[in-house]
Amino acid sequence: MNKKIEAAKLIADKLRGKTYLTYVEIANITGYHPKYILKLKKEILDGKINFEHGNKDKEPINKISQKEKDYIISLYKRTRVSIRRFCKFYSRRSYSCIYNILKEANLLNKN
């Protein structure tokens, strides 16, 4: 069971008087900090508790576009430098980002 759902269930049981666990004991059972348990209690009382992350199914704001991927691939094909040197030249993206793009396009030779 999800820890947040379990914590919410234990808090709701405490609010209804079905259990005599303290909020510290609920925190120990679920692994959350006692302050977070009190925050969950407030969300339950306000009816605003959400078990799904707010950014689920959203595109990352820094996602690289296909146009830029194609530009990096075409630029790398025209050069004869190492990937490290190319990354220093094309400094808009990180080494790992460029490496993954070139690896996906099968442009990195295996030594």
C-alpha atoms as a PDB file:
ATOM      1  CA  MET A   1       0.000   0.000   0.000  1.00  0.00           C
ATOM      2  CA  ASN A   2       1.181   3.535  -0.710  1.00  0.00           C
ATOM      3  CA  LYS A   3       2.671   5.182   2.387  1.00  0.00           C
ATOM      4  CA  LYS A   4       0.623   8.345   1.936  1.00  0.00           C
ATOM      5  CA  ILE A   5      -2.630   6.381   1.620  1.00  0.00           C
ATOM      6  CA  GLU A   6      -1.739   4.344   4.706  1.00  0.00           C
ATOM      7  CA  ALA A   7      -0.919   7.518   6.664  1.00  0.00           C
ATOM      8  CA  ALA A   8      -4.177   9.149   5.577  1.00  0.00           C
ATOM      9  CA  LYS A   9      -6.136   6.054   6.622  1.00  0.00           C
ATOM     10  CA  LEU A  10      -4.478   6.013  10.063  1.00  0.00           C
ATOM     11  CA  ILE A  11      -5.074   9.747  10.529  1.00  0.00           C
ATOM     12  CA  ALA A  12      -8.711   9.410   9.473  1.00  0.00           C
ATOM     13  CA  ASP A  13      -9.151   6.529  11.937  1.00  0.00           C
ATOM     14  CA  LYS A  14      -7.664   8.705  14.685  1.00  0.00           C
ATOM     15  CA  LEU A  15      -9.990  11.579  13.823  1.00  0.00           C
ATOM     16  CA  ARG A  16     -12.993   9.237  13.981  1.00  0.00           C
ATOM     17  CA  GLY A  17     -11.829   7.845  17.334  1.00  0.00           C
ATOM     18  CA  LYS A  18     -11.255   4.308  16.035  1.00  0.00           C
ATOM     19  CA  THR A  19      -7.614   4.221  17.176  1.00  0.00           C
ATOM     20  CA  TYR A  20      -5.572   5.613  20.013  1.00  0.00           C
ATOM     21  CA  LEU A  21      -2.328   5.990  18.071  1.00  0.00           C
ATOM     22  CA  THR A  22      -0.546   9.295  18.480  1.00  0.00           C
ATOM     23  CA  TYR A  23       0.619  11.317  15.499  1.00  0.00           C
ATOM     24  CA  VAL A  24       4.220  10.466  16.384  1.00  0.00           C
ATOM     25  CA  GLU A  25       3.364   6.752  16.333  1.00  0.00           C
ATOM     26  CA  ILE A  26       1.623   7.186  12.958  1.00  0.00           C
ATOM     27  CA  ALA A  27       4.769   8.934  11.719  1.00  0.00           C
ATOM     28  CA  ASN A  28       6.925   6.042  12.948  1.00  0.00           C
ATOM     29  CA  ILE A  29       4.658   3.451  11.300  1.00  0.00           C
ATOM     30  CA  THR A  30       4.595   5.222   7.933  1.00  0.00           C
ATOM     31  CA  GLY A  31       8.129   6.607   7.961  1.00  0.00           C
ATOM     32  CA  TYR A  32       7.040  10.229   7.574  1.00  0.00           C
ATOM     33  CA  HIS A  33       8.102  13.137   9.756  1.00  0.00           C
ATOM     34  CA  PRO A  34       5.556  14.087  12.463  1.00  0.00           C
ATOM     35  CA  LYS A  35       5.181  17.571  10.936  1.00  0.00           C
ATOM     36  CA  TYR A  36       4.177  15.997   7.620  1.00  0.00           C
ATOM     37  CA  ILE A  37       1.587  13.875   9.429  1.00  0.00           C
ATOM     38  CA  LEU A  38       0.087  17.057  10.889  1.00  0.00           C
ATOM     39  CA  LYS A  39       0.085  18.603   7.403  1.00  0.00           C
ATOM     40  CA  LEU A  40      -1.782  15.545   6.083  1.00  0.00           C
ATOM     41  CA  LYS A  41      -4.252  15.873   8.968  1.00  0.00           C
ATOM     42  CA  LYS A  42      -4.941  19.477   7.974  1.00  0.00           C
ATOM     43  CA  GLU A  43      -5.422  18.434   4.331  1.00  0.00           C
ATOM     44  CA  ILE A  44      -7.866  15.717   5.411  1.00  0.00           C
ATOM     45  CA  LEU A  45      -9.847  18.136   7.547  1.00  0.00           C
ATOM     46  CA  ASP A  46      -9.951  20.686   4.714  1.00  0.00           C
ATOM     47  CA  GLY A  47     -10.865  17.974   2.182  1.00  0.00           C
ATOM     48  CA  LYS A  48      -7.940  18.912  -0.060  1.00  0.00           C
ATOM     49  CA  ILE A  49      -5.830  15.748   0.178  1.00  0.00           C
ATOM     50  CA  ASN A  50      -4.433  14.587  -3.144  1.00  0.00           C
ATOM     51  CA  PHE A  51      -2.754  11.214  -3.676  1.00  0.00           C
ATOM     52  CA  GLU A  52      -1.487  11.971  -7.189  1.00  0.00           C
ATOM     53  CA  HIS A  53       1.514  14.166  -7.936  1.00  0.00           C
ATOM     54  CA  GLY A  54       0.614  17.556  -9.411  1.00  0.00           C
ATOM     55  CA  ASN A  55       3.006  17.301 -12.369  1.00  0.00           C
ATOM     56  CA  LYS A  56       1.860  13.868 -13.503  1.00  0.00           C
ATOM     57  CA  ASP A  57       1.339  13.608 -17.288  1.00  0.00           C
ATOM     58  CA  LYS A  58       2.882  17.049 -17.919  1.00  0.00           C
ATOM     59  CA  GLU A  59       5.745  17.726 -20.294  1.00  0.00           C
ATOM     60  CA  PRO A  60       8.989  18.777 -18.616  1.00  0.00           C
ATOM     61  CA  ILE A  61       9.684  22.469 -19.095  1.00  0.00           C
ATOM     62  CA  ASN A  62      13.296  21.837 -20.165  1.00  0.00           C
ATOM     63  CA  LYS A  63      12.552  19.012 -22.599  1.00  0.00           C
ATOM     64  CA  ILE A  64      14.658  19.231 -25.729  1.00  0.00           C
ATOM     65  CA  SER A  65      12.735  19.717 -28.963  1.00  0.00           C
ATOM     66  CA  GLN A  66      13.034  17.384 -31.935  1.00  0.00           C
ATOM     67  CA  LYS A  67      14.262  20.318 -34.012  1.00  0.00           C
ATOM     68  CA  GLU A  68      17.198  20.887 -31.656  1.00  0.00           C
ATOM     69  CA  LYS A  69      17.932  17.140 -31.559  1.00  0.00           C
ATOM     70  CA  ASP A  70      18.108  17.067 -35.362  1.00  0.00           C
ATOM     71  CA  TYR A  71      20.344  20.154 -35.333  1.00  0.00           C
ATOM     72  CA  ILE A  72      22.766  18.550 -32.847  1.00  0.00           C
ATOM     73  CA  ILE A  73      22.884  15.339 -34.881  1.00  0.00           C
ATOM     74  CA  SER A  74      23.512  17.141 -38.168  1.00  0.00           C
ATOM     75  CA  LEU A  75      26.146  19.380 -36.579  1.00  0.00           C
ATOM     76  CA  TYR A  76      27.951  16.409 -35.038  1.00  0.00           C
ATOM     77  CA  LYS A  77      27.911  14.511 -38.344  1.00  0.00           C
ATOM     78  CA  ARG A  78      29.777  17.395 -39.995  1.00  0.00           C
ATOM     79  CA  THR A  79      32.566  17.386 -37.419  1.00  0.00           C
ATOM     80  CA  ARG A  80      35.440  15.046 -36.685  1.00  0.00           C
ATOM     81  CA  VAL A  81      35.985  15.927 -33.039  1.00  0.00           C
ATOM     82  CA  SER A  82      35.464  13.939 -29.872  1.00  0.00           C
ATOM     83  CA  ILE A  83      32.168  14.145 -28.062  1.00  0.00           C
ATOM     84  CA  ARG A  84      33.795  16.032 -25.180  1.00  0.00           C
ATOM     85  CA  ARG A  85      35.120  18.703 -27.494  1.00  0.00           C
ATOM     86  CA  PHE A  86      31.783  18.882 -29.287  1.00  0.00           C
ATOM     87  CA  CYS A  87      30.001  19.399 -25.942  1.00  0.00           C
ATOM     88  CA  LYS A  88      32.327  22.271 -25.101  1.00  0.00           C
ATOM     89  CA  PHE A  89      31.565  23.802 -28.494  1.00  0.00           C
ATOM     90  CA  TYR A  90      27.799  23.267 -28.150  1.00  0.00           C
ATOM     91  CA  SER A  91      27.498  24.541 -24.603  1.00  0.00           C
ATOM     92  CA  ARG A  92      23.715  25.084 -24.549  1.00  0.00           C
ATOM     93  CA  ARG A  93      23.107  21.521 -23.338  1.00  0.00           C
ATOM     94  CA  SER A  94      24.889  19.263 -20.871  1.00  0.00           C
ATOM     95  CA  TYR A  95      27.299  16.512 -21.808  1.00  0.00           C
ATOM     96  CA  SER A  96      24.863  13.795 -20.774  1.00  0.00           C
ATOM     97  CA  CYS A  97      22.070  15.321 -22.841  1.00  0.00           C
ATOM     98  CA  ILE A  98      24.200  15.491 -25.986  1.00  0.00           C
ATOM     99  CA  TYR A  99      25.680  12.045 -25.340  1.00  0.00           C
ATOM    100  CA  ASN A 100      22.207  10.496 -25.056  1.00  0.00           C
ATOM    101  CA  ILE A 101      21.045  12.190 -28.266  1.00  0.00           C
ATOM    102  CA  LEU A 102      24.066  10.946 -30.207  1.00  0.00           C
ATOM    103  CA  LYS A 103      23.842   7.482 -28.680  1.00  0.00           C
ATOM    104  CA  GLU A 104      20.163   7.284 -29.667  1.00  0.00           C
ATOM    105  CA  ALA A 105      21.153   8.197 -33.235  1.00  0.00           C
ATOM    106  CA  ASN A 106      23.916   5.529 -33.241  1.00  0.00           C
ATOM    107  CA  LEU A 107      26.645   8.088 -33.942  1.00  0.00           C
ATOM    108  CA  LEU A 108      29.005   7.054 -31.159  1.00  0.00           C
ATOM    109  CA  ASN A 109      31.595   4.511 -32.198  1.00  0.00           C
ATOM    110  CA  LYS A 110      32.475   1.729 -29.799  1.00  0.00           C
ATOM    111  CA  ASN A 111      36.193   1.358 -29.144  1.00  0.00           C
END
